[in-house]
Amino acid sequence: MAELKCGVDNCSYNKDKCCCKGDIMVGGKHADCCNDTCCESFAQKKDDSYTSSLEHPCRTISIDCEAVKCVYNSNYKCHAEHVDIKGGGASSSAGTECSTFKEL
């Protein structure tokens, strides 16, 4: 489990920079840099509310990861202590990225 800081303000799972989904998937099977990754779990916010599968947002979260060239990826799981997801006002997962990605 990683400490996750979500900077994707337009995601329906984001509440106070924490994720309310419970787990996320980072995409980027062929990623060589942060820009080649994305949060596949992104869901665009419809209004000022957030979507939650959890009662409270979590600071730590389970992260599945397709970015096999990342040093933190072990058997499709992220083992970084801290993960930053960026994307500001993204309107799709393509507008997000895992800024913690570090190439092997």
Protein backbone atom coordinates (compact mmCIF):
# COMPACT_ATOMS: atom_id res chain seq x y z
CA MET A 1 0.00 0.00 0.00
CA ALA A 2 1.29 3.42 -0.98
CA GLU A 3 0.53 6.85 0.37
CA LEU A 4 -1.33 8.44 -2.53
CA LYS A 5 -1.62 12.14 -3.26
CA CYS A 6 -4.09 12.81 -6.05
CA GLY A 7 -3.78 16.11 -7.89
CA VAL A 8 -6.55 15.27 -10.38
CA ASP A 9 -9.13 17.75 -9.10
CA ASN A 10 -11.67 16.76 -11.74
CA CYS A 11 -11.81 13.07 -10.72
CA SER A 12 -14.97 11.96 -8.96
CA TYR A 13 -12.90 9.83 -6.53
CA ASN A 14 -10.75 12.77 -5.38
CA LYS A 15 -11.62 14.28 -2.00
CA ASP A 16 -9.06 16.57 -0.38
CA LYS A 17 -6.22 15.10 -2.52
CA CYS A 18 -7.10 11.57 -1.28
CA CYS A 19 -8.68 8.77 -3.29
CA CYS A 20 -12.07 7.40 -2.29
CA LYS A 21 -11.99 4.44 -4.68
CA GLY A 22 -10.08 1.99 -2.48
CA ASP A 23 -7.64 0.89 -5.19
CA ILE A 24 -6.48 2.24 -8.54
CA MET A 25 -4.92 1.00 -11.77
CA VAL A 26 -1.99 2.89 -13.28
CA GLY A 27 -1.76 2.32 -17.01
CA GLY A 28 1.30 2.56 -19.20
CA LYS A 29 2.37 -0.88 -20.37
CA HIS A 30 5.04 0.62 -22.66
CA ALA A 31 5.82 3.68 -20.51
CA ASP A 32 9.35 5.11 -20.61
CA CYS A 33 8.49 8.27 -18.62
CA CYS A 34 5.72 9.79 -16.46
CA ASN A 35 3.93 11.22 -19.51
CA ASP A 36 3.40 7.67 -20.82
CA THR A 37 1.42 6.64 -17.71
CA CYS A 38 -2.14 7.41 -16.62
CA CYS A 39 -4.64 6.66 -13.88
CA GLU A 40 -6.95 4.14 -15.58
CA SER A 41 -9.35 4.49 -12.63
CA PHE A 42 -10.09 8.15 -13.43
CA ALA A 43 -13.80 9.03 -13.56
CA GLN A 44 -14.70 12.59 -14.49
CA LYS A 45 -16.57 14.51 -11.81
CA LYS A 46 -20.12 15.40 -12.83
CA ASP A 47 -20.71 18.16 -10.24
CA ASP A 48 -19.18 19.25 -6.93
CA SER A 49 -19.72 15.86 -5.30
CA TYR A 50 -17.38 12.89 -5.25
CA THR A 51 -17.98 9.16 -5.76
CA SER A 52 -16.93 6.85 -2.99
CA SER A 53 -16.73 3.12 -2.50
CA LEU A 54 -15.29 3.94 0.93
CA GLU A 55 -16.85 5.73 3.87
CA HIS A 56 -13.84 8.05 4.18
CA PRO A 57 -11.05 8.92 1.72
CA CYS A 58 -7.81 7.00 2.31
CA ARG A 59 -4.26 8.31 2.37
CA THR A 60 -2.91 4.81 1.65
CA ILE A 61 -4.20 2.75 -1.23
CA SER A 62 -3.52 -0.43 -3.19
CA ILE A 63 -2.13 0.39 -6.63
CA ASP A 64 -2.08 -2.07 -9.51
CA CYS A 65 0.34 -0.96 -12.20
CA GLU A 66 0.92 -1.87 -15.85
CA ALA A 67 4.10 0.25 -16.12
CA VAL A 68 6.48 -2.71 -16.08
CA LYS A 69 9.52 -0.51 -16.79
CA CYS A 70 9.07 1.36 -13.49
CA VAL A 71 11.44 0.56 -10.61
CA TYR A 72 8.48 0.48 -8.20
CA ASN A 73 6.56 -2.14 -10.18
CA SER A 74 6.82 -5.69 -8.89
CA ASN A 75 4.49 -8.25 -10.40
CA TYR A 76 2.04 -5.53 -11.53
CA LYS A 77 1.82 -3.96 -8.05
CA CYS A 78 3.26 -0.59 -7.06
CA HIS A 79 5.67 -0.77 -4.14
CA ALA A 80 6.55 2.93 -3.85
CA GLU A 81 6.05 4.42 -0.40
CA HIS A 82 4.48 7.57 -1.85
CA VAL A 83 2.73 8.06 -5.19
CA ASP A 84 1.67 11.34 -6.84
CA ILE A 85 -1.01 11.28 -9.51
CA LYS A 86 -1.19 14.50 -11.51
CA GLY A 87 -3.65 15.81 -14.03
CA GLY A 88 -5.28 19.03 -12.84
CA GLY A 89 -8.55 19.40 -14.74
CA ALA A 90 -8.28 16.19 -16.78
CA SER A 91 -11.35 15.12 -18.73
CA SER A 92 -10.14 11.55 -19.34
CA SER A 93 -7.52 9.15 -17.99
CA ALA A 94 -5.22 10.28 -20.84
CA GLY A 95 -4.93 13.65 -19.09
CA THR A 96 -3.51 12.06 -15.93
CA GLU A 97 -0.09 10.65 -15.08
CA CYS A 98 1.82 8.92 -12.32
CA SER A 99 4.55 11.43 -11.57
CA THR A 100 6.27 8.91 -9.28
CA PHE A 101 7.20 6.73 -12.28
CA LYS A 102 10.94 6.08 -12.48
CA GLU A 103 12.36 4.05 -15.35
CA LEU A 104 14.41 0.94 -14.53
